[in-house]
């Protein structure tokens, strides 16, 4: 869930840590690995082997896509740092004053409305839209995060 971790002395730290998704997918990967080892010990391992390989591959792919730890640090001098960590490694990007702002992206499914924060990165010739989180969350919580990022931008540029 995306949340403001710290907002002191002009420095704002926003994190997205999908711990529940990581735990569920981690347990599923362990289950499919156990199923794979069970299948290898049988005389006719094909049905269990197929289920273990397909399920384990799907869970690992989900782990790569969904489990992404993100930390956005907004400093009082107007500079910002976005650090993203996945199972494939860590990526750190630095931004100069006035280069990023936030927008709210909402989604409606039946009667449920959810949202996520989108970072709008002005790269000069092109504008990049980068989701702060791959998942949606409660609209009011995300509105507060978007407002705080844009307030920080107004006060530092």
N, C-alpha and C. Protein backbone atom coordinates (compact mmCIF):
# COMPACT_ATOMS: atom_id res chain seq x y z
N UNK A 1 0.84 -1.17 0.00
CA UNK A 1 0.00 0.00 0.00
C UNK A 1 0.89 1.25 0.00
N UNK A 2 0.51 2.20 -0.82
CA UNK A 2 1.27 3.43 -0.92
C UNK A 2 0.91 4.34 0.25
N UNK A 3 1.96 4.87 0.92
CA UNK A 3 1.70 5.74 2.07
C UNK A 3 2.88 6.69 2.27
N UNK A 4 2.59 7.78 2.98
CA UNK A 4 3.62 8.74 3.35
C UNK A 4 4.27 8.22 4.62
N UNK A 5 5.54 7.91 4.55
CA UNK A 5 6.26 7.34 5.68
C UNK A 5 6.80 8.43 6.59
N UNK A 6 7.30 9.51 5.98
CA UNK A 6 7.90 10.58 6.76
C UNK A 6 7.63 11.91 6.06
N UNK A 7 7.35 12.92 6.85
CA UNK A 7 7.12 14.27 6.32
C UNK A 7 7.64 15.27 7.36
N UNK A 8 8.98 15.36 7.44
CA UNK A 8 9.61 16.21 8.45
C UNK A 8 10.70 17.07 7.83
N UNK A 9 10.84 18.28 8.31
CA UNK A 9 11.90 19.20 7.91
C UNK A 9 11.97 19.39 6.39
N UNK A 10 10.83 19.37 5.72
CA UNK A 10 10.79 19.59 4.28
C UNK A 10 11.10 18.38 3.44
N UNK A 11 11.47 17.27 4.06
CA UNK A 11 11.75 16.04 3.33
C UNK A 11 10.54 15.12 3.45
N UNK A 12 10.05 14.67 2.32
CA UNK A 12 8.88 13.78 2.28
C UNK A 12 9.33 12.44 1.72
N UNK A 13 8.98 11.35 2.42
CA UNK A 13 9.31 10.01 1.95
C UNK A 13 7.99 9.26 1.75
N UNK A 14 7.78 8.79 0.53
CA UNK A 14 6.58 8.04 0.18
C UNK A 14 7.02 6.65 -0.25
N UNK A 15 6.37 5.62 0.31
CA UNK A 15 6.75 4.24 -0.01
C UNK A 15 5.55 3.45 -0.49
N UNK A 16 5.83 2.46 -1.31
CA UNK A 16 4.85 1.47 -1.70
C UNK A 16 5.50 0.11 -1.44
N UNK A 17 4.98 -0.61 -0.45
CA UNK A 17 5.54 -1.90 -0.09
C UNK A 17 4.42 -2.94 -0.09
N UNK A 18 4.31 -3.73 -1.15
CA UNK A 18 3.22 -4.71 -1.26
C UNK A 18 3.53 -5.99 -0.50
N UNK A 19 3.57 -5.91 0.82
CA UNK A 19 3.97 -7.06 1.63
C UNK A 19 2.98 -8.21 1.54
N UNK A 20 1.68 -7.92 1.52
CA UNK A 20 0.68 -9.00 1.45
C UNK A 20 0.84 -9.78 0.15
N UNK A 21 1.00 -9.09 -0.97
CA UNK A 21 1.18 -9.77 -2.25
C UNK A 21 2.47 -10.59 -2.25
N UNK A 22 3.52 -10.04 -1.66
CA UNK A 22 4.79 -10.76 -1.60
C UNK A 22 4.66 -12.04 -0.79
N UNK A 23 3.95 -11.99 0.32
CA UNK A 23 3.78 -13.17 1.17
C UNK A 23 2.95 -14.23 0.45
N UNK A 24 1.83 -13.82 -0.15
CA UNK A 24 0.96 -14.78 -0.84
C UNK A 24 1.70 -15.44 -2.00
N UNK A 25 2.36 -14.64 -2.83
CA UNK A 25 3.08 -15.21 -3.96
C UNK A 25 4.28 -16.04 -3.51
N UNK A 26 4.95 -15.64 -2.43
CA UNK A 26 6.06 -16.43 -1.90
C UNK A 26 5.61 -17.80 -1.41
N UNK A 27 4.48 -17.84 -0.71
CA UNK A 27 3.92 -19.13 -0.25
C UNK A 27 3.53 -19.99 -1.44
N UNK A 28 2.95 -19.38 -2.47
CA UNK A 28 2.56 -20.13 -3.67
C UNK A 28 3.78 -20.71 -4.38
N UNK A 29 4.87 -19.95 -4.47
CA UNK A 29 6.08 -20.45 -5.11
C UNK A 29 6.64 -21.63 -4.31
N UNK A 30 6.65 -21.53 -3.00
CA UNK A 30 7.12 -22.64 -2.16
C UNK A 30 6.23 -23.87 -2.35
N UNK A 31 4.91 -23.67 -2.41
CA UNK A 31 3.99 -24.79 -2.63
C UNK A 31 4.27 -25.50 -3.95
N UNK A 32 4.44 -24.72 -5.03
CA UNK A 32 4.69 -25.33 -6.34
C UNK A 32 6.07 -25.98 -6.39
N UNK A 33 7.05 -25.46 -5.66
CA UNK A 33 8.35 -26.11 -5.59
C UNK A 33 8.22 -27.45 -4.85
N UNK A 34 7.44 -27.48 -3.77
CA UNK A 34 7.18 -28.73 -3.04
C UNK A 34 6.49 -29.73 -3.96
N UNK A 35 5.50 -29.27 -4.72
CA UNK A 35 4.77 -30.13 -5.66
C UNK A 35 5.71 -30.69 -6.72
N UNK A 36 6.66 -29.88 -7.17
CA UNK A 36 7.63 -30.32 -8.16
C UNK A 36 8.50 -31.45 -7.60
N UNK A 37 8.98 -31.30 -6.37
CA UNK A 37 9.81 -32.35 -5.77
C UNK A 37 9.00 -33.61 -5.50
N UNK A 38 7.74 -33.46 -5.15
CA UNK A 38 6.87 -34.63 -4.96
C UNK A 38 6.68 -35.37 -6.29
N UNK A 39 6.53 -34.64 -7.37
CA UNK A 39 6.30 -35.24 -8.69
C UNK A 39 7.53 -36.01 -9.16
N UNK A 40 8.71 -35.50 -8.84
CA UNK A 40 9.93 -36.17 -9.29
C UNK A 40 10.13 -37.53 -8.63
N UNK A 41 9.51 -37.76 -7.50
CA UNK A 41 9.64 -39.02 -6.79
C UNK A 41 8.63 -40.07 -7.23
N UNK A 42 7.72 -39.76 -8.13
CA UNK A 42 6.68 -40.70 -8.56
C UNK A 42 7.08 -41.40 -9.85
N UNK A 43 6.43 -42.55 -10.09
CA UNK A 43 6.69 -43.30 -11.31
C UNK A 43 6.15 -42.57 -12.54
N UNK A 44 4.97 -41.92 -12.41
CA UNK A 44 4.37 -41.16 -13.52
C UNK A 44 4.21 -39.71 -13.07
N UNK A 45 5.27 -38.91 -13.20
CA UNK A 45 5.24 -37.57 -12.63
C UNK A 45 4.60 -36.49 -13.52
N UNK A 46 4.16 -36.85 -14.71
CA UNK A 46 3.74 -35.83 -15.68
C UNK A 46 2.60 -34.92 -15.20
N UNK A 47 1.49 -35.41 -14.64
CA UNK A 47 0.42 -34.47 -14.24
C UNK A 47 0.89 -33.47 -13.18
N UNK A 48 1.53 -33.96 -12.13
CA UNK A 48 2.01 -33.07 -11.08
C UNK A 48 3.13 -32.16 -11.57
N UNK A 49 3.97 -32.71 -12.44
CA UNK A 49 5.08 -31.94 -12.98
C UNK A 49 4.57 -30.77 -13.82
N UNK A 50 3.57 -31.04 -14.64
CA UNK A 50 3.00 -29.97 -15.47
C UNK A 50 2.35 -28.89 -14.60
N UNK A 51 1.59 -29.31 -13.60
CA UNK A 51 0.94 -28.34 -12.70
C UNK A 51 1.99 -27.51 -11.96
N UNK A 52 3.03 -28.18 -11.47
CA UNK A 52 4.07 -27.48 -10.72
C UNK A 52 4.81 -26.48 -11.59
N UNK A 53 5.15 -26.86 -12.80
CA UNK A 53 5.89 -25.97 -13.68
C UNK A 53 5.04 -24.79 -14.15
N UNK A 54 3.80 -25.06 -14.54
CA UNK A 54 2.93 -23.97 -15.00
C UNK A 54 2.58 -23.03 -13.84
N UNK A 55 2.19 -23.59 -12.71
CA UNK A 55 1.84 -22.77 -11.55
C UNK A 55 3.02 -22.00 -11.00
N UNK A 56 4.17 -22.65 -10.91
CA UNK A 56 5.36 -21.99 -10.39
C UNK A 56 5.84 -20.87 -11.31
N UNK A 57 5.78 -21.11 -12.61
CA UNK A 57 6.16 -20.07 -13.56
C UNK A 57 5.22 -18.88 -13.48
N UNK A 58 3.91 -19.15 -13.37
CA UNK A 58 2.92 -18.07 -13.24
C UNK A 58 3.13 -17.26 -11.98
N UNK A 59 3.40 -17.93 -10.87
CA UNK A 59 3.63 -17.22 -9.61
C UNK A 59 4.91 -16.39 -9.67
N UNK A 60 5.95 -16.93 -10.27
CA UNK A 60 7.19 -16.18 -10.38
C UNK A 60 7.01 -14.96 -11.28
N UNK A 61 6.26 -15.12 -12.38
CA UNK A 61 5.98 -13.98 -13.26
C UNK A 61 5.17 -12.93 -12.51
N UNK A 62 4.20 -13.37 -11.71
CA UNK A 62 3.42 -12.44 -10.89
C UNK A 62 4.31 -11.73 -9.88
N UNK A 63 5.25 -12.45 -9.33
CA UNK A 63 6.18 -11.86 -8.37
C UNK A 63 6.98 -10.74 -9.04
N UNK A 64 7.42 -10.97 -10.28
CA UNK A 64 8.17 -9.95 -11.03
C UNK A 64 7.33 -8.72 -11.33
N UNK A 65 6.04 -8.92 -11.60
CA UNK A 65 5.19 -7.81 -12.01
C UNK A 65 4.59 -7.05 -10.84
N UNK A 66 4.12 -7.76 -9.82
CA UNK A 66 3.36 -7.15 -8.73
C UNK A 66 4.23 -6.69 -7.58
N UNK A 67 5.23 -7.47 -7.24
CA UNK A 67 6.04 -7.15 -6.07
C UNK A 67 7.17 -6.21 -6.47
N UNK A 68 6.89 -4.92 -6.26
CA UNK A 68 7.84 -3.86 -6.60
C UNK A 68 7.84 -2.87 -5.43
N UNK A 69 8.96 -2.80 -4.74
CA UNK A 69 9.09 -1.88 -3.62
C UNK A 69 9.56 -0.53 -4.17
N UNK A 70 8.83 0.53 -3.85
CA UNK A 70 9.13 1.86 -4.38
C UNK A 70 9.28 2.85 -3.24
N UNK A 71 10.30 3.71 -3.34
CA UNK A 71 10.50 4.78 -2.36
C UNK A 71 10.78 6.07 -3.12
N UNK A 72 9.93 7.06 -2.90
CA UNK A 72 10.10 8.38 -3.49
C UNK A 72 10.50 9.33 -2.38
N UNK A 73 11.67 9.93 -2.51
CA UNK A 73 12.17 10.88 -1.53
C UNK A 73 12.16 12.27 -2.15
N UNK A 74 11.39 13.18 -1.54
CA UNK A 74 11.29 14.56 -2.01
C UNK A 74 12.06 15.44 -1.03
N UNK A 75 13.14 16.08 -1.49
CA UNK A 75 14.00 16.87 -0.60
C UNK A 75 13.63 18.35 -0.64
N UNK A 76 13.95 19.09 0.41
CA UNK A 76 13.59 20.51 0.48
C UNK A 76 14.26 21.39 -0.57
N UNK A 77 15.34 20.92 -1.18
CA UNK A 77 16.01 21.72 -2.22
C UNK A 77 15.36 21.54 -3.59
N UNK A 78 14.28 20.75 -3.68
CA UNK A 78 13.57 20.55 -4.94
C UNK A 78 13.98 19.31 -5.70
N UNK A 79 15.04 18.66 -5.28
CA UNK A 79 15.48 17.42 -5.93
C UNK A 79 14.65 16.25 -5.39
N UNK A 80 14.50 15.23 -6.21
CA UNK A 80 13.75 14.04 -5.81
C UNK A 80 14.50 12.80 -6.26
N UNK A 81 14.32 11.70 -5.52
CA UNK A 81 14.92 10.42 -5.87
C UNK A 81 13.84 9.36 -5.83
N UNK A 82 13.77 8.56 -6.89
CA UNK A 82 12.84 7.44 -6.97
C UNK A 82 13.66 6.16 -7.02
N UNK A 83 13.51 5.34 -5.99
CA UNK A 83 14.22 4.06 -5.93
C UNK A 83 13.19 2.94 -6.06
N UNK A 84 13.43 2.05 -7.01
CA UNK A 84 12.52 0.93 -7.26
C UNK A 84 13.31 -0.36 -7.15
N UNK A 85 12.79 -1.31 -6.36
CA UNK A 85 13.48 -2.59 -6.19
C UNK A 85 12.52 -3.72 -6.53
N UNK A 86 12.95 -4.62 -7.40
CA UNK A 86 12.20 -5.82 -7.74
C UNK A 86 13.10 -7.02 -7.50
N UNK A 87 12.62 -8.21 -7.85
CA UNK A 87 13.47 -9.39 -7.71
C UNK A 87 14.62 -9.36 -8.70
N UNK A 88 14.54 -8.52 -9.72
CA UNK A 88 15.60 -8.40 -10.73
C UNK A 88 16.66 -7.38 -10.37
N UNK A 89 16.47 -6.62 -9.31
CA UNK A 89 17.48 -5.64 -8.92
C UNK A 89 16.86 -4.31 -8.54
N UNK A 90 17.71 -3.31 -8.34
CA UNK A 90 17.27 -1.99 -7.91
C UNK A 90 17.62 -0.95 -8.97
N UNK A 91 16.71 0.02 -9.12
CA UNK A 91 16.92 1.11 -10.06
C UNK A 91 16.68 2.41 -9.32
N UNK A 92 17.60 3.36 -9.44
CA UNK A 92 17.48 4.65 -8.77
C UNK A 92 17.51 5.75 -9.83
N UNK A 93 16.54 6.65 -9.73
CA UNK A 93 16.47 7.79 -10.65
C UNK A 93 16.43 9.08 -9.84
N UNK A 94 17.20 10.08 -10.27
CA UNK A 94 17.21 11.38 -9.62
C UNK A 94 16.54 12.40 -10.53
N UNK A 95 15.84 13.35 -9.91
CA UNK A 95 15.12 14.37 -10.65
C UNK A 95 15.52 15.76 -10.16
N UNK A 96 15.58 16.72 -11.07
CA UNK A 96 15.91 18.10 -10.74
C UNK A 96 14.63 18.84 -10.36
N UNK A 97 14.75 20.02 -9.74
CA UNK A 97 13.56 20.77 -9.33
C UNK A 97 12.62 21.05 -10.51
N UNK A 98 11.33 20.85 -10.27
CA UNK A 98 10.30 21.12 -11.26
C UNK A 98 10.11 20.04 -12.30
N UNK A 99 10.84 18.95 -12.20
CA UNK A 99 10.76 17.91 -13.22
C UNK A 99 9.61 16.95 -13.00
N UNK A 100 9.15 16.75 -11.75
CA UNK A 100 8.06 15.80 -11.53
C UNK A 100 6.87 16.48 -10.87
N UNK A 101 5.71 15.93 -11.16
CA UNK A 101 4.46 16.28 -10.48
C UNK A 101 3.64 15.00 -10.43
N UNK A 102 2.50 15.05 -9.75
CA UNK A 102 1.68 13.86 -9.59
C UNK A 102 0.27 14.10 -10.12
N UNK A 103 -0.32 13.02 -10.62
CA UNK A 103 -1.71 13.03 -11.06
C UNK A 103 -2.42 11.85 -10.44
N UNK A 104 -3.73 11.96 -10.36
CA UNK A 104 -4.57 10.90 -9.82
C UNK A 104 -5.19 10.13 -10.98
N UNK A 105 -5.03 8.83 -10.99
CA UNK A 105 -5.66 7.99 -12.00
C UNK A 105 -6.69 7.12 -11.28
N UNK A 106 -7.95 7.27 -11.64
CA UNK A 106 -9.02 6.49 -10.99
C UNK A 106 -9.51 5.38 -11.90
N UNK A 107 -10.08 4.37 -11.27
CA UNK A 107 -10.64 3.24 -12.00
C UNK A 107 -11.91 2.81 -11.29
N UNK A 108 -12.95 2.52 -12.07
CA UNK A 108 -14.22 2.09 -11.51
C UNK A 108 -14.51 0.67 -11.97
N UNK A 109 -14.78 -0.18 -11.01
CA UNK A 109 -15.23 -1.55 -11.28
C UNK A 109 -16.52 -1.76 -10.50
N UNK A 110 -17.59 -1.89 -11.24
CA UNK A 110 -18.93 -1.96 -10.67
C UNK A 110 -19.17 -0.74 -9.78
N UNK A 111 -19.35 -0.92 -8.51
CA UNK A 111 -19.59 0.23 -7.62
C UNK A 111 -18.33 0.64 -6.85
N UNK A 112 -17.22 -0.04 -7.07
CA UNK A 112 -15.98 0.25 -6.35
C UNK A 112 -15.11 1.19 -7.17
N UNK A 113 -14.67 2.27 -6.56
CA UNK A 113 -13.77 3.21 -7.21
C UNK A 113 -12.42 3.14 -6.48
N UNK A 114 -11.35 2.98 -7.24
CA UNK A 114 -10.01 2.95 -6.67
C UNK A 114 -9.11 3.88 -7.48
N UNK A 115 -7.93 4.12 -6.96
CA UNK A 115 -7.04 5.09 -7.62
C UNK A 115 -5.59 4.70 -7.39
N UNK A 116 -4.73 5.34 -8.17
CA UNK A 116 -3.29 5.24 -7.95
C UNK A 116 -2.64 6.55 -8.37
N UNK A 117 -1.48 6.81 -7.79
CA UNK A 117 -0.75 8.03 -8.10
C UNK A 117 0.15 7.78 -9.30
N UNK A 118 0.13 8.73 -10.22
CA UNK A 118 0.97 8.67 -11.41
C UNK A 118 1.96 9.82 -11.34
N UNK A 119 3.25 9.51 -11.43
CA UNK A 119 4.27 10.56 -11.50
C UNK A 119 4.40 11.01 -12.95
N UNK A 120 4.29 12.30 -13.17
CA UNK A 120 4.46 12.88 -14.51
C UNK A 120 5.86 13.48 -14.54
N UNK A 121 6.71 12.91 -15.35
CA UNK A 121 8.12 13.31 -15.41
C UNK A 121 8.36 14.08 -16.70
N UNK A 122 8.72 15.34 -16.55
CA UNK A 122 8.97 16.20 -17.71
C UNK A 122 10.43 16.07 -18.10
N UNK A 123 10.67 15.36 -19.19
CA UNK A 123 12.04 15.13 -19.63
C UNK A 123 12.50 16.08 -20.72
N UNK A 124 11.84 17.22 -20.87
CA UNK A 124 12.21 18.17 -21.92
C UNK A 124 11.44 17.91 -23.19
N UNK A 125 11.94 16.99 -24.01
CA UNK A 125 11.28 16.68 -25.28
C UNK A 125 10.08 15.76 -25.12
N UNK A 126 10.06 14.97 -24.09
CA UNK A 126 8.97 14.03 -23.89
C UNK A 126 8.55 14.00 -22.43
N UNK A 127 7.29 13.60 -22.23
CA UNK A 127 6.74 13.49 -20.88
C UNK A 127 6.47 12.02 -20.60
N UNK A 128 6.94 11.53 -19.47
CA UNK A 128 6.78 10.14 -19.08
C UNK A 128 5.76 10.06 -17.94
N UNK A 129 4.85 9.09 -18.03
CA UNK A 129 3.87 8.84 -16.96
C UNK A 129 4.26 7.53 -16.30
N UNK A 130 4.61 7.60 -15.02
CA UNK A 130 5.10 6.44 -14.29
C UNK A 130 4.22 6.20 -13.07
N UNK A 131 3.55 5.04 -13.00
CA UNK A 131 2.74 4.75 -11.80
C UNK A 131 3.64 4.60 -10.58
N UNK A 132 3.23 5.22 -9.48
CA UNK A 132 3.98 5.07 -8.23
C UNK A 132 3.80 3.66 -7.68
N UNK A 133 2.68 3.03 -8.00
CA UNK A 133 2.38 1.68 -7.57
C UNK A 133 1.71 0.93 -8.71
N UNK A 134 1.99 -0.36 -8.88
CA UNK A 134 1.29 -1.11 -9.92
C UNK A 134 -0.15 -1.45 -9.55
N UNK A 135 -0.52 -1.23 -8.29
CA UNK A 135 -1.87 -1.55 -7.82
C UNK A 135 -2.62 -0.29 -7.44
N UNK A 136 -3.93 -0.39 -7.46
CA UNK A 136 -4.77 0.72 -7.03
C UNK A 136 -5.03 0.63 -5.53
N UNK A 137 -5.44 1.76 -4.93
CA UNK A 137 -5.74 1.81 -3.51
C UNK A 137 -6.94 2.70 -3.25
N UNK A 138 -7.24 2.95 -1.99
CA UNK A 138 -8.38 3.81 -1.65
C UNK A 138 -8.18 5.23 -2.18
N UNK A 139 -9.23 5.78 -2.77
CA UNK A 139 -9.15 7.08 -3.44
C UNK A 139 -8.68 8.18 -2.50
N UNK A 140 -9.24 8.25 -1.29
CA UNK A 140 -8.89 9.33 -0.36
C UNK A 140 -7.42 9.27 0.05
N UNK A 141 -6.89 8.08 0.28
CA UNK A 141 -5.47 7.95 0.64
C UNK A 141 -4.57 8.43 -0.50
N UNK A 142 -4.90 8.02 -1.72
CA UNK A 142 -4.08 8.38 -2.88
C UNK A 142 -4.21 9.87 -3.18
N UNK A 143 -5.40 10.43 -3.00
CA UNK A 143 -5.57 11.88 -3.20
C UNK A 143 -4.64 12.66 -2.27
N UNK A 144 -4.51 12.21 -1.03
CA UNK A 144 -3.60 12.87 -0.08
C UNK A 144 -2.16 12.80 -0.52
N UNK A 145 -1.73 11.68 -1.08
CA UNK A 145 -0.36 11.52 -1.56
C UNK A 145 -0.11 12.42 -2.76
N UNK A 146 -1.06 12.44 -3.71
CA UNK A 146 -0.92 13.30 -4.89
C UNK A 146 -0.86 14.77 -4.47
N UNK A 147 -1.73 15.16 -3.54
CA UNK A 147 -1.74 16.55 -3.07
C UNK A 147 -0.41 16.91 -2.40
N UNK A 148 0.15 15.98 -1.61
CA UNK A 148 1.41 16.26 -0.91
C UNK A 148 2.56 16.40 -1.90
N UNK A 149 2.60 15.57 -2.95
CA UNK A 149 3.66 15.68 -3.95
C UNK A 149 3.56 17.02 -4.67
N UNK A 150 2.34 17.41 -5.05
CA UNK A 150 2.17 18.67 -5.77
C UNK A 150 2.39 19.88 -4.88
N UNK A 151 2.06 19.79 -3.59
CA UNK A 151 2.38 20.86 -2.63
C UNK A 151 3.90 21.03 -2.51
N UNK A 152 4.61 19.90 -2.42
CA UNK A 152 6.07 19.93 -2.34
C UNK A 152 6.63 20.62 -3.58
N UNK A 153 6.09 20.26 -4.76
CA UNK A 153 6.57 20.87 -6.01
C UNK A 153 6.36 22.38 -6.01
N UNK A 154 5.17 22.84 -5.56
CA UNK A 154 4.89 24.26 -5.53
C UNK A 154 5.83 25.02 -4.60
N UNK A 155 6.16 24.42 -3.46
CA UNK A 155 7.00 25.13 -2.49
C UNK A 155 8.48 25.09 -2.83
N UNK A 156 8.90 24.17 -3.69
CA UNK A 156 10.33 24.05 -3.99
C UNK A 156 10.73 24.56 -5.36
N UNK A 157 9.77 24.98 -6.18
CA UNK A 157 10.17 25.48 -7.52
C UNK A 157 9.83 26.96 -7.63
